[in-house]
Amino acid sequence: MQIINNILSYLSTTFATTVTSDQFIQASYETLIMVVFSLILGSLIGIPLGICLVTTRPSGLLENKRIYRIINPIINLVRSLPFIILLVAILPLTKFIVGSSIGTTAAIVPLTFYVAPYIARLVENSLLDVKSGIIEAAEAMGATPIQIIWHFMLPEAFSSLLLTLTTATIGLIGATAMAGAIGAGGIGDLAVSYGYQRFDTTVTYICVFILVIVIQFVQSMGNYLARKARHE
């Protein structure tokens, strides 16, 4: 944290911006809070939905066309909405849940709605890539559908699921920047409030620099963990 603080202090001093290093640190912290909590909540919803999509689809382990035909279009509907529209559309729900429609905490609600179906689709794709021979072997050993999912499908797709969460995290970082446009705080809010509205392009460039560094770090960590999971 001290290294980051020194870098931001240097940038804000060298380029004589209207924003202090403390404001950059605070904005980065708000972005981190939004991403972490939204990712956790979105994963708790999206991963089970992804598993449900795979198992209830035609020829799935727990084939149930009725459930599949309900979940699949709902996920498609939510995913089809651009985040900025979703953000505005569920403002009443956001206010009902957290008591406010603006701020960092309020942004977690639409961010969760945004990332959950996204994770569900990515999880679905990862699990569908599991070789059918593995599932057939598990069934031949007498494993139940729950055992097949927990002991065979998820471990086999684990490295792919790590990359799935990496992709979701990067998508969330971009979404938090858009959420800043309506006062959600974070790096996006700083870029809009100071970089755009006050015509301080240096602030915008520094915000872009921060986001690029964070995304590169997240992607590198995701790739590393996925390689370790594959025992490469």
C-alpha atoms as a PDB file:
ATOM      1  CA  MET A   1       0.000   0.000   0.000  1.00  0.00           C
ATOM      2  CA  GLN A   2       2.866   2.367   0.828  1.00  0.00           C
ATOM      3  CA  ILE A   3       4.429   1.795  -2.602  1.00  0.00           C
ATOM      4  CA  ILE A   4       1.109   2.587  -4.300  1.00  0.00           C
ATOM      5  CA  ASN A   5       0.701   5.673  -2.142  1.00  0.00           C
ATOM      6  CA  ASN A   6       4.190   6.869  -3.115  1.00  0.00           C
ATOM      7  CA  ILE A   7       3.451   6.336  -6.812  1.00  0.00           C
ATOM      8  CA  LEU A   8       0.151   8.218  -6.625  1.00  0.00           C
ATOM      9  CA  SER A   9       1.782  11.021  -4.611  1.00  0.00           C
ATOM     10  CA  TYR A  10       4.466  11.323  -7.262  1.00  0.00           C
ATOM     11  CA  LEU A  11       1.942  11.388 -10.116  1.00  0.00           C
ATOM     12  CA  SER A  12      -0.374  13.920  -8.483  1.00  0.00           C
ATOM     13  CA  THR A  13       2.553  16.176  -7.530  1.00  0.00           C
ATOM     14  CA  THR A  14       4.490  15.879 -10.767  1.00  0.00           C
ATOM     15  CA  PHE A  15       1.517  16.539 -13.011  1.00  0.00           C
ATOM     16  CA  ALA A  16      -0.083  19.131 -10.703  1.00  0.00           C
ATOM     17  CA  THR A  17      -3.544  17.609 -10.688  1.00  0.00           C
ATOM     18  CA  THR A  18      -6.553  18.929  -8.770  1.00  0.00           C
ATOM     19  CA  VAL A  19      -6.759  15.576  -6.959  1.00  0.00           C
ATOM     20  CA  THR A  20      -4.540  14.538  -4.067  1.00  0.00           C
ATOM     21  CA  SER A  21      -2.981  11.113  -3.618  1.00  0.00           C
ATOM     22  CA  ASP A  22      -5.345  10.491  -0.686  1.00  0.00           C
ATOM     23  CA  GLN A  23      -8.311  10.911  -3.010  1.00  0.00           C
ATOM     24  CA  PHE A  24      -6.812   8.430  -5.451  1.00  0.00           C
ATOM     25  CA  ILE A  25      -6.234   5.983  -2.594  1.00  0.00           C
ATOM     26  CA  GLN A  26      -9.810   6.428  -1.350  1.00  0.00           C
ATOM     27  CA  ALA A  27     -11.219   5.960  -4.853  1.00  0.00           C
ATOM     28  CA  SER A  28      -9.117   2.817  -5.333  1.00  0.00           C
ATOM     29  CA  TYR A  29     -10.365   1.484  -1.996  1.00  0.00           C
ATOM     30  CA  GLU A  30     -13.999   2.131  -2.987  1.00  0.00           C
ATOM     31  CA  THR A  31     -13.449   0.317  -6.288  1.00  0.00           C
ATOM     32  CA  LEU A  32     -11.910  -2.607  -4.410  1.00  0.00           C
ATOM     33  CA  ILE A  33     -14.892  -2.794  -2.039  1.00  0.00           C
ATOM     34  CA  MET A  34     -17.377  -2.790  -4.933  1.00  0.00           C
ATOM     35  CA  VAL A  35     -15.483  -5.458  -6.869  1.00  0.00           C
ATOM     36  CA  VAL A  36     -14.842  -7.816  -3.937  1.00  0.00           C
ATOM     37  CA  PHE A  37     -18.357  -7.802  -2.485  1.00  0.00           C
ATOM     38  CA  SER A  38     -20.063  -7.907  -5.889  1.00  0.00           C
ATOM     39  CA  LEU A  39     -17.839 -10.788  -6.988  1.00  0.00           C
ATOM     40  CA  ILE A  40     -18.566 -12.777  -3.826  1.00  0.00           C
ATOM     41  CA  LEU A  41     -22.327 -12.217  -4.016  1.00  0.00           C
ATOM     42  CA  GLY A  42     -22.370 -12.728  -7.786  1.00  0.00           C
ATOM     43  CA  SER A  43     -20.443 -15.993  -7.433  1.00  0.00           C
ATOM     44  CA  LEU A  44     -22.806 -17.283  -4.751  1.00  0.00           C
ATOM     45  CA  ILE A  45     -25.649 -16.745  -7.217  1.00  0.00           C
ATOM     46  CA  GLY A  46     -23.954 -17.330 -10.555  1.00  0.00           C
ATOM     47  CA  ILE A  47     -22.051 -20.561  -9.851  1.00  0.00           C
ATOM     48  CA  PRO A  48     -25.150 -22.516  -8.721  1.00  0.00           C
ATOM     49  CA  LEU A  49     -27.074 -21.074 -11.674  1.00  0.00           C
ATOM     50  CA  GLY A  50     -24.320 -22.215 -14.053  1.00  0.00           C
ATOM     51  CA  ILE A  51     -24.361 -25.708 -12.549  1.00  0.00           C
ATOM     52  CA  CYS A  52     -28.157 -25.737 -12.815  1.00  0.00           C
ATOM     53  CA  LEU A  53     -27.980 -24.763 -16.492  1.00  0.00           C
ATOM     54  CA  VAL A  54     -25.635 -27.657 -17.229  1.00  0.00           C
ATOM     55  CA  THR A  55     -27.451 -30.323 -15.236  1.00  0.00           C
ATOM     56  CA  THR A  56     -31.045 -29.466 -16.191  1.00  0.00           C
ATOM     57  CA  ARG A  57     -30.427 -28.929 -19.895  1.00  0.00           C
ATOM     58  CA  PRO A  58     -31.618 -31.612 -22.353  1.00  0.00           C
ATOM     59  CA  SER A  59     -29.523 -34.766 -21.813  1.00  0.00           C
ATOM     60  CA  GLY A  60     -28.096 -33.282 -18.603  1.00  0.00           C
ATOM     61  CA  LEU A  61     -27.511 -35.188 -15.367  1.00  0.00           C
ATOM     62  CA  LEU A  62     -30.756 -33.880 -13.873  1.00  0.00           C
ATOM     63  CA  GLU A  63     -32.644 -33.093 -17.063  1.00  0.00           C
ATOM     64  CA  ASN A  64     -35.559 -30.836 -16.306  1.00  0.00           C
ATOM     65  CA  LYS A  65     -36.806 -28.887 -19.300  1.00  0.00           C
ATOM     66  CA  ARG A  66     -39.194 -26.789 -17.221  1.00  0.00           C
ATOM     67  CA  ILE A  67     -36.472 -25.438 -14.926  1.00  0.00           C
ATOM     68  CA  TYR A  68     -34.054 -24.966 -17.814  1.00  0.00           C
ATOM     69  CA  ARG A  69     -36.629 -23.043 -19.860  1.00  0.00           C
ATOM     70  CA  ILE A  70     -37.216 -20.693 -16.920  1.00  0.00           C
ATOM     71  CA  ILE A  71     -33.591 -20.031 -15.927  1.00  0.00           C
ATOM     72  CA  ASN A  72     -32.079 -19.809 -19.410  1.00  0.00           C
ATOM     73  CA  PRO A  73     -34.214 -16.914 -20.772  1.00  0.00           C
ATOM     74  CA  ILE A  74     -33.988 -14.992 -17.471  1.00  0.00           C
ATOM     75  CA  ILE A  75     -30.180 -15.099 -17.660  1.00  0.00           C
ATOM     76  CA  ASN A  76     -30.304 -14.080 -21.320  1.00  0.00           C
ATOM     77  CA  LEU A  77     -32.630 -11.185 -20.467  1.00  0.00           C
ATOM     78  CA  VAL A  78     -30.415  -9.759 -17.722  1.00  0.00           C
ATOM     79  CA  ARG A  79     -27.250 -10.221 -19.762  1.00  0.00           C
ATOM     80  CA  SER A  80     -28.787  -8.422 -22.728  1.00  0.00           C
ATOM     81  CA  LEU A  81     -29.125  -5.184 -20.734  1.00  0.00           C
ATOM     82  CA  PRO A  82     -26.166  -2.785 -20.893  1.00  0.00           C
ATOM     83  CA  PHE A  83     -24.904  -2.202 -17.368  1.00  0.00           C
ATOM     84  CA  ILE A  84     -25.697   1.524 -17.316  1.00  0.00           C
ATOM     85  CA  ILE A  85     -29.351   0.735 -18.176  1.00  0.00           C
ATOM     86  CA  LEU A  86     -29.519  -2.043 -15.591  1.00  0.00           C
ATOM     87  CA  LEU A  87     -28.043   0.378 -13.063  1.00  0.00           C
ATOM     88  CA  VAL A  88     -30.864   2.860 -13.591  1.00  0.00           C
ATOM     89  CA  ALA A  89     -33.623   0.264 -14.049  1.00  0.00           C
ATOM     90  CA  ILE A  90     -33.187  -1.288 -10.607  1.00  0.00           C
ATOM     91  CA  LEU A  91     -32.672   1.947  -8.663  1.00  0.00           C
ATOM     92  CA  PRO A  92     -35.929   1.409  -6.702  1.00  0.00           C
ATOM     93  CA  LEU A  93     -34.820  -2.112  -5.757  1.00  0.00           C
ATOM     94  CA  THR A  94     -31.389  -0.834  -4.791  1.00  0.00           C
ATOM     95  CA  LYS A  95     -32.928   1.821  -2.554  1.00  0.00           C
ATOM     96  CA  PHE A  96     -35.208  -0.792  -0.987  1.00  0.00           C
ATOM     97  CA  ILE A  97     -32.329  -3.146  -0.199  1.00  0.00           C
ATOM     98  CA  VAL A  98     -29.673  -0.727   1.090  1.00  0.00           C
ATOM     99  CA  GLY A  99     -31.731   2.392   1.784  1.00  0.00           C
ATOM    100  CA  SER A 100     -29.977   4.518  -0.828  1.00  0.00           C
ATOM    101  CA  SER A 101     -29.583   4.623  -4.593  1.00  0.00           C
ATOM    102  CA  ILE A 102     -26.168   6.314  -4.673  1.00  0.00           C
ATOM    103  CA  GLY A 103     -22.824   5.561  -3.113  1.00  0.00           C
ATOM    104  CA  THR A 104     -20.417   2.636  -2.988  1.00  0.00           C
ATOM    105  CA  THR A 105     -22.703   0.342  -1.000  1.00  0.00           C
ATOM    106  CA  ALA A 106     -25.657   0.997  -3.296  1.00  0.00           C
ATOM    107  CA  ALA A 107     -23.555   0.154  -6.363  1.00  0.00           C
ATOM    108  CA  ILE A 108     -22.966  -3.372  -5.072  1.00  0.00           C
ATOM    109  CA  VAL A 109     -26.615  -4.291  -5.788  1.00  0.00           C
ATOM    110  CA  PRO A 110     -26.647  -3.601  -9.562  1.00  0.00           C
ATOM    111  CA  LEU A 111     -23.083  -4.898  -9.861  1.00  0.00           C
ATOM    112  CA  THR A 112     -24.227  -8.199  -8.351  1.00  0.00           C
ATOM    113  CA  PHE A 113     -27.193  -8.364 -10.739  1.00  0.00           C
ATOM    114  CA  TYR A 114     -24.790  -7.621 -13.587  1.00  0.00           C
ATOM    115  CA  VAL A 115     -22.110 -10.191 -12.789  1.00  0.00           C
ATOM    116  CA  ALA A 116     -24.231 -13.116 -11.527  1.00  0.00           C
ATOM    117  CA  PRO A 117     -25.691 -14.140 -14.926  1.00  0.00           C
ATOM    118  CA  TYR A 118     -22.328 -13.396 -16.531  1.00  0.00           C
ATOM    119  CA  ILE A 119     -20.653 -15.859 -14.149  1.00  0.00           C
ATOM    120  CA  ALA A 120     -23.472 -18.355 -14.720  1.00  0.00           C
ATOM    121  CA  ARG A 121     -22.807 -18.423 -18.460  1.00  0.00           C
ATOM    122  CA  LEU A 122     -19.044 -18.698 -17.987  1.00  0.00           C
ATOM    123  CA  VAL A 123     -19.474 -21.528 -15.479  1.00  0.00           C
ATOM    124  CA  GLU A 124     -21.835 -23.259 -17.893  1.00  0.00           C
ATOM    125  CA  ASN A 125     -19.239 -23.084 -20.662  1.00  0.00           C
ATOM    126  CA  SER A 126     -16.496 -24.383 -18.350  1.00  0.00           C
ATOM    127  CA  LEU A 127     -18.554 -27.360 -17.179  1.00  0.00           C
ATOM    128  CA  LEU A 128     -19.708 -28.216 -20.692  1.00  0.00           C
ATOM    129  CA  ASP A 129     -16.035 -28.562 -21.653  1.00  0.00           C
ATOM    130  CA  VAL A 130     -15.619 -31.445 -19.189  1.00  0.00           C
ATOM    131  CA  LYS A 131     -15.108 -34.600 -21.240  1.00  0.00           C
ATOM    132  CA  SER A 132     -18.156 -36.821 -21.392  1.00  0.00           C
ATOM    133  CA  GLY A 133     -15.946 -39.848 -20.713  1.00  0.00           C
ATOM    134  CA  ILE A 134     -15.273 -38.593 -17.189  1.00  0.00           C
ATOM    135  CA  ILE A 135     -18.989 -38.305 -16.464  1.00  0.00           C
ATOM    136  CA  GLU A 136     -19.676 -41.727 -17.984  1.00  0.00           C
ATOM    137  CA  ALA A 137     -16.925 -43.276 -15.858  1.00  0.00           C
ATOM    138  CA  ALA A 138     -18.397 -41.664 -12.727  1.00  0.00           C
ATOM    139  CA  GLU A 139     -21.850 -42.993 -13.589  1.00  0.00           C
ATOM    140  CA  ALA A 140     -20.379 -46.463 -14.160  1.00  0.00           C
ATOM    141  CA  MET A 141     -18.914 -46.341 -10.636  1.00  0.00           C
ATOM    142  CA  GLY A 142     -22.388 -45.651  -9.268  1.00  0.00           C
ATOM    143  CA  ALA A 143     -21.841 -42.001  -8.339  1.00  0.00           C
ATOM    144  CA  THR A 144     -24.948 -39.925  -7.732  1.00  0.00           C
ATOM    145  CA  PRO A 145     -25.511 -36.717  -9.747  1.00  0.00           C
ATOM    146  CA  ILE A 146     -24.433 -34.596  -6.759  1.00  0.00           C
ATOM    147  CA  GLN A 147     -21.254 -36.669  -6.383  1.00  0.00           C
ATOM    148  CA  ILE A 148     -20.544 -36.375 -10.094  1.00  0.00           C
ATOM    149  CA  ILE A 149     -20.862 -32.593  -9.931  1.00  0.00           C
ATOM    150  CA  TRP A 150     -18.841 -32.162  -6.739  1.00  0.00           C
ATOM    151  CA  HIS A 151     -16.147 -34.818  -7.160  1.00  0.00           C
ATOM    152  CA  PHE A 152     -15.734 -35.022 -10.932  1.00  0.00           C
ATOM    153  CA  MET A 153     -17.087 -32.064 -12.906  1.00  0.00           C
ATOM    154  CA  LEU A 154     -15.999 -29.187 -10.652  1.00  0.00           C
ATOM    155  CA  PRO A 155     -12.454 -30.512  -9.998  1.00  0.00           C
ATOM    156  CA  GLU A 156     -11.976 -31.250 -13.698  1.00  0.00           C
ATOM    157  CA  ALA A 157     -13.118 -27.735 -14.660  1.00  0.00           C
ATOM    158  CA  PHE A 158     -11.366 -25.998 -11.737  1.00  0.00           C
ATOM    159  CA  SER A 159      -8.635 -24.268 -13.764  1.00  0.00           C
ATOM    160  CA  SER A 160     -11.213 -23.070 -16.277  1.00  0.00           C
ATOM    161  CA  LEU A 161     -13.414 -21.813 -13.433  1.00  0.00           C
ATOM    162  CA  LEU A 162     -10.499 -19.788 -12.077  1.00  0.00           C
ATOM    163  CA  LEU A 163     -10.164 -18.089 -15.465  1.00  0.00           C
ATOM    164  CA  THR A 164     -13.927 -17.596 -15.422  1.00  0.00           C
ATOM    165  CA  LEU A 165     -13.725 -15.678 -12.138  1.00  0.00           C
ATOM    166  CA  THR A 166     -10.763 -13.724 -13.519  1.00  0.00           C
ATOM    167  CA  THR A 167     -12.803 -12.648 -16.531  1.00  0.00           C
ATOM    168  CA  ALA A 168     -15.740 -11.767 -14.284  1.00  0.00           C
ATOM    169  CA  THR A 169     -13.488  -9.693 -12.028  1.00  0.00           C
ATOM    170  CA  ILE A 170     -12.141  -7.700 -14.959  1.00  0.00           C
ATOM    171  CA  GLY A 171     -15.686  -7.133 -16.208  1.00  0.00           C
ATOM    172  CA  LEU A 172     -16.659  -5.897 -12.752  1.00  0.00           C
ATOM    173  CA  ILE A 173     -13.783  -3.434 -12.662  1.00  0.00           C
ATOM    174  CA  GLY A 174     -15.031  -1.937 -15.909  1.00  0.00           C
ATOM    175  CA  ALA A 175     -18.592  -1.857 -14.568  1.00  0.00           C
ATOM    176  CA  THR A 176     -17.513  -0.012 -11.394  1.00  0.00           C
ATOM    177  CA  ALA A 177     -16.040   2.677 -13.612  1.00  0.00           C
ATOM    178  CA  MET A 178     -19.451   3.122 -15.247  1.00  0.00           C
ATOM    179  CA  ALA A 179     -21.162   3.062 -11.853  1.00  0.00           C
ATOM    180  CA  GLY A 180     -19.042   6.074 -10.934  1.00  0.00           C
ATOM    181  CA  ALA A 181     -21.029   8.082 -13.450  1.00  0.00           C
ATOM    182  CA  ILE A 182     -24.006   8.152 -11.042  1.00  0.00           C
ATOM    183  CA  GLY A 183     -22.064   8.820  -7.866  1.00  0.00           C
ATOM    184  CA  ALA A 184     -21.079   5.294  -6.846  1.00  0.00           C
ATOM    185  CA  GLY A 185     -17.588   6.414  -5.912  1.00  0.00           C
ATOM    186  CA  GLY A 186     -14.400   4.696  -6.972  1.00  0.00           C
ATOM    187  CA  ILE A 187     -12.011   5.377  -9.811  1.00  0.00           C
ATOM    188  CA  GLY A 188     -14.829   5.953 -12.313  1.00  0.00           C
ATOM    189  CA  ASP A 189     -16.388   8.653 -10.156  1.00  0.00           C
ATOM    190  CA  LEU A 190     -13.022  10.368  -9.795  1.00  0.00           C
ATOM    191  CA  ALA A 191     -12.462  10.295 -13.551  1.00  0.00           C
ATOM    192  CA  VAL A 192     -15.913  11.752 -14.243  1.00  0.00           C
ATOM    193  CA  SER A 193     -16.080  14.316 -11.417  1.00  0.00           C
ATOM    194  CA  TYR A 194     -12.579  15.692 -11.802  1.00  0.00           C
ATOM    195  CA  GLY A 195     -11.225  14.451 -15.112  1.00  0.00           C
ATOM    196  CA  TYR A 196     -14.288  15.133 -17.251  1.00  0.00           C
ATOM    197  CA  GLN A 197     -16.400  17.731 -15.460  1.00  0.00           C
ATOM    198  CA  ARG A 198     -13.436  19.857 -14.351  1.00  0.00           C
ATOM    199  CA  PHE A 199     -11.469  19.328 -17.571  1.00  0.00           C
ATOM    200  CA  ASP A 200      -8.473  17.868 -15.725  1.00  0.00           C
ATOM    201  CA  THR A 201      -7.285  15.336 -18.296  1.00  0.00           C
ATOM    202  CA  THR A 202      -4.339  14.368 -16.103  1.00  0.00           C
ATOM    203  CA  VAL A 203      -6.740  12.901 -13.544  1.00  0.00           C
ATOM    204  CA  THR A 204      -8.345  10.861 -16.309  1.00  0.00           C
ATOM    205  CA  TYR A 205      -4.966   9.550 -17.455  1.00  0.00           C
ATOM    206  CA  ILE A 206      -3.971   8.605 -13.904  1.00  0.00           C
ATOM    207  CA  CYS A 207      -7.294   6.808 -13.416  1.00  0.00           C
ATOM    208  CA  VAL A 208      -6.737   4.913 -16.651  1.00  0.00           C
ATOM    209  CA  PHE A 209      -3.215   4.060 -15.495  1.00  0.00           C
ATOM    210  CA  ILE A 210      -4.552   2.682 -12.192  1.00  0.00           C
ATOM    211  CA  LEU A 211      -7.214   0.587 -13.926  1.00  0.00           C
ATOM    212  CA  VAL A 212      -4.716  -0.820 -16.438  1.00  0.00           C
ATOM    213  CA  ILE A 213      -2.303  -1.823 -13.671  1.00  0.00           C
ATOM    214  CA  VAL A 214      -5.065  -3.445 -11.612  1.00  0.00           C
ATOM    215  CA  ILE A 215      -6.472  -5.361 -14.583  1.00  0.00           C
ATOM    216  CA  GLN A 216      -3.023  -6.577 -15.620  1.00  0.00           C
ATOM    217  CA  PHE A 217      -2.424  -7.781 -12.066  1.00  0.00           C
ATOM    218  CA  VAL A 218      -5.776  -9.574 -11.857  1.00  0.00           C
ATOM    219  CA  GLN A 219      -5.279 -11.270 -15.230  1.00  0.00           C
ATOM    220  CA  SER A 220      -1.729 -12.330 -14.381  1.00  0.00           C
ATOM    221  CA  MET A 221      -2.828 -13.771 -11.036  1.00  0.00           C
ATOM    222  CA  GLY A 222      -5.729 -15.599 -12.681  1.00  0.00           C
ATOM    223  CA  ASN A 223      -3.446 -17.115 -15.319  1.00  0.00           C
ATOM    224  CA  TYR A 224      -0.921 -18.136 -12.661  1.00  0.00           C
ATOM    225  CA  LEU A 225      -3.523 -19.814 -10.429  1.00  0.00           C
ATOM    226  CA  ALA A 226      -5.059 -21.589 -13.427  1.00  0.00           C
ATOM    227  CA  ARG A 227      -1.636 -22.954 -14.432  1.00  0.00           C
ATOM    228  CA  LYS A 228      -1.040 -24.145 -10.866  1.00  0.00           C
ATOM    229  CA  ALA A 229      -4.437 -25.850 -10.890  1.00  0.00           C
ATOM    230  CA  ARG A 230      -3.446 -27.671 -14.081  1.00  0.00           C
ATOM    231  CA  HIS A 231      -0.137 -28.617 -12.384  1.00  0.00           C
ATOM    232  CA  GLU A 232       1.891 -27.042 -15.177  1.00  0.00           C
END
